[in-house]
Amino acid sequence: MSLANLRQEGFRFELEDGVATLTLDRPDRINALTFASYQAMRDAFRAIHEAREVRCVVLRGDGPRGFCSGGDVRDIIGELFARDMRGLLEFTRLTGALVQTIHHCRVPVVAALHGVVCGAGAVIALASDVRLAAPDARIAFLFPKVGLSGADMGAAWLLPRIVGHGRASELLLTGDFVDAERAEQMGLFNRIVPADRLRDEAHAWGRKIADGPAFAHAMTKKMLDYEAHVDFATGIEAEAQAQAICMQHPDFREAYDAWVEKRAPRFER
């Protein structure tokens, strides 16, 4: 699927000079996700992964109440009660596939969080590379509150790698909300920024990343993921090989030439 043919179900998509903005746009439902929007967002991130014109993604939610309240109870829960095991697995694999496409996306993803960030919305935030939050942002992995495992959509893989095993256990077992200040202290949020500056700050981060070396950024994301599974010596060797590959890319020479000529580098688009 090309970017021009994206099915914008439950979100809006914009692309400006390398920075893609994906805005969840069901503010009346706190941007709750539906069967259709899970699929459309998964397909959108697959397309973004292949689109060389995209160098960074900003992911945000519309409306004053929050970033995303998770799956839409009205749209989803009733139908799930009518499904057999095969049908339930079809749904849970779909939701996990969305998170996987965000996490494995070639380009960095910056999440701009405000208000309610819970359930699937919280895991989508986890899958992003950078999380900026307004002071009113509060995040919860609500799954145990509805009788489900806290291990959903990759949360039990992602969360311990960000906040550690003990805090991940607390969040996934209780389902309690955590306010922005505590989330920042945990390392769950990268920065807290004033609410009226959140959108501009997220775009500024996107612009800064997009102006950087896209090939090297993609390599950094790949190595962060790969090295979570290997021992230190293997990681050192993997980084040696990855960096040697980057040294063969034109961006490495361009950065040097720009330094010599005392100008900003013009990395490959």
Protein backbone atom coordinates (compact mmCIF):
# COMPACT_ATOMS: atom_id res chain seq x y z
CA MET A 1 0.00 0.00 0.00
CA SER A 2 1.27 3.46 -0.90
CA LEU A 3 0.89 6.51 1.31
CA ALA A 4 -1.46 8.00 -1.26
CA ASN A 5 -3.85 5.07 -0.83
CA LEU A 6 -3.96 4.94 2.97
CA ARG A 7 -7.35 4.10 4.42
CA GLN A 8 -7.59 6.77 7.11
CA GLU A 9 -10.02 4.97 9.40
CA GLY A 10 -9.99 6.53 12.87
CA PHE A 11 -7.02 8.77 12.13
CA ARG A 12 -5.76 11.56 9.91
CA PHE A 13 -2.44 11.41 8.08
CA GLU A 14 -0.28 14.34 6.98
CA LEU A 15 3.23 14.45 5.53
CA GLU A 16 5.34 17.59 5.46
CA ASP A 17 9.01 17.62 4.51
CA GLY A 18 9.76 14.16 5.83
CA VAL A 19 7.70 14.38 9.04
CA ALA A 20 4.52 12.30 9.01
CA THR A 21 1.83 13.19 11.55
CA LEU A 22 -0.72 10.51 12.39
CA THR A 23 -3.56 11.96 14.49
CA LEU A 24 -6.15 9.70 16.14
CA ASP A 25 -9.40 11.51 15.41
CA ARG A 26 -12.31 10.11 17.41
CA PRO A 27 -12.23 12.74 20.18
CA ASP A 28 -15.83 12.01 21.23
CA ARG A 29 -14.65 8.50 22.23
CA ILE A 30 -11.24 9.64 23.55
CA ASN A 31 -9.82 8.27 20.29
CA ALA A 32 -10.84 4.70 21.09
CA LEU A 33 -9.81 2.13 18.50
CA THR A 34 -12.17 -0.04 16.46
CA PHE A 35 -11.62 -3.24 14.49
CA ALA A 36 -11.30 -1.10 11.37
CA SER A 37 -8.89 1.44 12.88
CA TYR A 38 -6.58 -1.27 14.25
CA GLN A 39 -6.29 -2.66 10.73
CA ALA A 40 -5.93 0.74 9.06
CA MET A 41 -3.21 1.89 11.47
CA ARG A 42 -1.32 -1.38 11.07
CA ASP A 43 -1.43 -0.95 7.29
CA ALA A 44 -0.41 2.71 7.59
CA PHE A 45 2.73 1.88 9.56
CA ARG A 46 3.60 -0.86 7.08
CA ALA A 47 3.35 1.71 4.30
CA ILE A 48 5.38 4.25 6.28
CA HIS A 49 8.10 1.65 6.81
CA GLU A 50 8.48 1.32 3.03
CA ALA A 51 8.11 5.01 2.17
CA ARG A 52 11.51 6.65 1.77
CA GLU A 53 9.96 10.11 1.86
CA VAL A 54 9.06 9.59 5.54
CA ARG A 55 11.91 10.22 7.98
CA CYS A 56 10.02 10.50 11.28
CA VAL A 57 6.47 9.96 12.57
CA VAL A 58 4.63 12.07 15.16
CA LEU A 59 1.74 10.14 16.72
CA ARG A 60 -0.89 12.18 18.59
CA GLY A 61 -4.54 12.21 19.63
CA ASP A 62 -7.20 14.79 18.83
CA GLY A 63 -9.46 16.46 21.37
CA PRO A 64 -8.97 17.66 24.94
CA ARG A 65 -9.72 14.42 26.82
CA GLY A 66 -6.80 12.24 25.89
CA PHE A 67 -4.44 10.50 23.50
CA CYS A 68 -6.25 7.16 23.34
CA SER A 69 -8.57 5.25 25.68
CA GLY A 70 -7.79 1.85 24.12
CA GLY A 71 -10.19 -0.42 22.31
CA ASP A 72 -13.75 0.85 21.92
CA VAL A 73 -15.97 -1.11 24.31
CA ARG A 74 -19.10 -0.45 22.23
CA ASP A 75 -17.49 -1.59 18.98
CA ILE A 76 -15.35 -4.48 20.17
CA ILE A 77 -16.34 -6.16 23.45
CA GLY A 78 -19.81 -7.32 22.43
CA GLU A 79 -18.51 -8.97 19.30
CA LEU A 80 -15.66 -10.67 21.15
CA PHE A 81 -18.16 -12.41 23.46
CA ALA A 82 -19.65 -14.03 20.36
CA ARG A 83 -16.34 -15.34 19.01
CA ASP A 84 -14.74 -18.75 19.45
CA MET A 85 -11.04 -19.24 20.25
CA ARG A 86 -10.04 -18.91 16.61
CA GLY A 87 -11.92 -15.62 16.31
CA LEU A 88 -10.45 -14.28 19.53
CA LEU A 89 -6.92 -15.11 18.38
CA GLU A 90 -7.60 -13.32 15.10
CA PHE A 91 -8.36 -10.16 17.09
CA THR A 92 -5.50 -10.40 19.61
CA ARG A 93 -3.03 -11.08 16.80
CA LEU A 94 -4.33 -8.03 14.94
CA THR A 95 -3.80 -5.73 17.94
CA GLY A 96 -0.33 -7.17 18.50
CA ALA A 97 0.50 -6.69 14.82
CA LEU A 98 -0.23 -2.96 15.12
CA VAL A 99 2.21 -2.59 18.01
CA GLN A 100 4.80 -4.69 16.20
CA THR A 101 4.61 -2.53 13.06
CA ILE A 102 5.10 0.63 15.17
CA HIS A 103 8.02 -0.88 17.11
CA HIS A 104 9.70 -2.25 13.98
CA CYS A 105 8.99 0.80 11.82
CA ARG A 106 12.14 1.88 10.00
CA VAL A 107 11.73 5.51 11.07
CA PRO A 108 11.62 6.85 14.65
CA VAL A 109 8.17 7.46 16.15
CA VAL A 110 7.52 10.34 18.57
CA ALA A 111 4.34 10.03 20.65
CA ALA A 112 2.70 13.22 21.95
CA LEU A 113 0.59 12.19 24.94
CA HIS A 114 -2.08 14.09 26.83
CA GLY A 115 -4.97 13.24 29.11
CA VAL A 116 -6.03 9.59 29.10
CA VAL A 117 -3.47 7.11 27.77
CA CYS A 118 -4.71 3.64 28.60
CA GLY A 119 -5.16 0.07 27.41
CA ALA A 120 -4.16 -0.26 23.79
CA GLY A 121 -3.30 3.45 23.79
CA ALA A 122 -0.71 2.84 26.51
CA VAL A 123 0.92 0.00 24.57
CA ILE A 124 0.97 2.07 21.38
CA ALA A 125 2.78 4.76 23.37
CA LEU A 126 5.24 2.11 24.61
CA ALA A 127 5.97 1.01 21.06
CA SER A 128 6.98 4.55 20.12
CA ASP A 129 10.63 5.56 20.41
CA VAL A 130 10.13 8.86 22.28
CA ARG A 131 7.21 9.78 24.54
CA LEU A 132 6.49 13.46 25.23
CA ALA A 133 3.68 14.20 27.67
CA ALA A 134 1.54 17.10 28.79
CA PRO A 135 1.25 17.57 32.57
CA ASP A 136 -2.30 16.12 32.51
CA ALA A 137 -1.23 12.86 30.83
CA ARG A 138 -1.93 9.74 32.86
CA ILE A 139 -1.17 6.24 31.68
CA ALA A 140 -2.57 2.85 32.67
CA PHE A 141 -2.40 -0.71 31.41
CA LEU A 142 -6.02 -1.37 32.30
CA PHE A 143 -6.23 -4.99 31.19
CA PRO A 144 -6.50 -6.56 34.69
CA LYS A 145 -9.32 -4.13 35.51
CA VAL A 146 -11.43 -5.95 32.89
CA GLY A 147 -10.34 -9.46 33.87
CA LEU A 148 -7.54 -9.83 31.33
CA SER A 149 -3.80 -10.38 31.56
CA GLY A 150 -1.58 -7.32 31.75
CA ALA A 151 0.52 -9.08 29.11
CA ASP A 152 -1.29 -7.79 26.03
CA MET A 153 -0.12 -6.47 22.66
CA GLY A 154 3.54 -6.83 23.67
CA ALA A 155 3.30 -4.87 26.94
CA ALA A 156 5.14 -7.55 28.94
CA TRP A 157 8.03 -7.40 26.46
CA LEU A 158 8.22 -3.64 26.02
CA LEU A 159 7.49 -2.28 29.49
CA PRO A 160 10.26 -4.04 31.50
CA ARG A 161 12.81 -2.80 28.98
CA ILE A 162 11.72 0.78 29.70
CA VAL A 163 10.96 0.84 33.44
CA GLY A 164 12.46 -2.43 34.77
CA HIS A 165 10.85 -5.69 35.83
CA GLY A 166 9.58 -4.56 39.25
CA ARG A 167 7.79 -1.45 38.06
CA ALA A 168 6.48 -3.27 34.98
CA SER A 169 5.01 -5.94 37.27
CA GLU A 170 3.33 -3.25 39.37
CA LEU A 171 1.77 -1.53 36.37
CA LEU A 172 0.67 -4.71 34.61
CA LEU A 173 -0.74 -6.41 37.73
CA THR A 174 -2.66 -3.44 39.15
CA GLY A 175 -3.81 -1.64 36.01
CA ASP A 176 -3.63 1.60 37.99
CA PHE A 177 -3.13 5.00 36.40
CA VAL A 178 0.23 6.72 36.78
CA ASP A 179 0.41 10.50 36.51
CA ALA A 180 2.84 12.32 34.24
CA GLU A 181 5.32 13.24 36.96
CA ARG A 182 5.72 9.67 38.20
CA ALA A 183 5.80 8.30 34.65
CA GLU A 184 8.67 10.66 33.86
CA GLN A 185 10.49 9.58 37.02
CA MET A 186 10.12 5.95 35.92
CA GLY A 187 11.50 6.74 32.49
CA LEU A 188 8.17 5.86 30.92
CA PHE A 189 7.79 9.45 29.65
CA ASN A 190 10.88 11.12 28.18
CA ARG A 191 9.76 14.70 28.87
CA ILE A 192 6.85 16.63 30.32
CA VAL A 193 6.07 19.76 28.33
CA PRO A 194 3.38 22.44 28.80
CA ALA A 195 0.07 21.39 27.30
CA ASP A 196 -0.08 24.37 24.96
CA ARG A 197 3.35 23.48 23.56
CA LEU A 198 2.93 19.70 23.25
CA ARG A 199 2.02 19.64 19.57
CA ASP A 200 4.79 22.06 18.57
CA GLU A 201 7.35 20.32 20.76
CA ALA A 202 6.52 16.91 19.26
CA HIS A 203 6.84 18.35 15.77
CA ALA A 204 10.16 19.97 16.69
CA TRP A 205 11.46 16.57 17.80
CA GLY A 206 10.15 15.08 14.57
CA ARG A 207 11.83 17.83 12.54
CA LYS A 208 15.16 17.34 14.37
CA ILE A 209 15.10 13.58 13.80
CA ALA A 210 13.97 13.97 10.17
CA ASP A 211 16.89 16.32 9.50
CA GLY A 212 19.32 13.67 10.75
CA PRO A 213 20.79 10.66 8.92
CA ALA A 214 17.81 8.42 8.09
CA PHE A 215 19.96 5.40 7.23
CA ALA A 216 21.86 5.62 10.51
CA HIS A 217 18.67 6.22 12.51
CA ALA A 218 17.14 3.06 11.01
CA MET A 219 20.29 1.18 11.98
CA THR A 220 20.07 2.50 15.55
CA LYS A 221 16.48 1.28 15.87
CA LYS A 222 17.42 -2.12 14.49
CA MET A 223 20.35 -2.50 16.87
CA LEU A 224 18.35 -1.42 19.93
CA ASP A 225 15.87 -4.18 19.14
CA TYR A 226 18.45 -6.83 18.24
CA GLU A 227 20.71 -6.22 21.24
CA ALA A 228 17.85 -6.76 23.68
CA HIS A 229 18.20 -10.47 22.87
CA VAL A 230 21.97 -11.03 22.90
CA ASP A 231 24.90 -11.02 25.31
CA PHE A 232 27.27 -8.06 25.59
CA ALA A 233 30.07 -9.51 23.46
CA THR A 234 27.60 -10.29 20.67
CA GLY A 235 26.24 -6.76 20.93
CA ILE A 236 29.72 -5.24 20.64
CA GLU A 237 30.43 -7.25 17.50
CA ALA A 238 27.03 -6.42 16.01
CA GLU A 239 27.64 -2.72 16.58
CA ALA A 240 31.09 -2.96 15.00
CA GLN A 241 29.55 -4.41 11.86
CA ALA A 242 26.63 -1.98 11.86
CA GLN A 243 28.90 1.04 12.22
CA ALA A 244 31.19 -0.19 9.45
CA ILE A 245 28.14 -0.40 7.19
CA CYS A 246 27.15 3.16 8.13
CA MET A 247 30.68 4.33 7.33
CA GLN A 248 30.15 3.16 3.76
CA HIS A 249 26.98 5.22 3.42
CA PRO A 250 27.21 8.64 1.72
CA ASP A 251 25.87 10.37 4.85
CA PHE A 252 29.13 9.67 6.70
CA ARG A 253 31.15 11.52 4.05
CA GLU A 254 28.55 14.29 3.87
CA ALA A 255 28.81 14.90 7.62
CA TYR A 256 32.60 15.21 7.32
CA ASP A 257 32.42 17.52 4.31
CA ALA A 258 29.88 19.71 6.09
CA TRP A 259 32.16 19.94 9.12
CA VAL A 260 35.10 20.98 6.94
CA GLU A 261 33.00 23.53 5.06
CA LYS A 262 31.39 24.81 8.30
CA ARG A 263 27.79 24.20 7.15
CA ALA A 264 24.87 22.01 8.16
CA PRO A 265 25.00 18.53 6.64
CA ARG A 266 22.55 17.62 3.90
CA PHE A 267 21.80 13.98 4.57
CA GLU A 268 20.35 11.72 1.90
CA ARG A 269 16.59 11.95 1.40
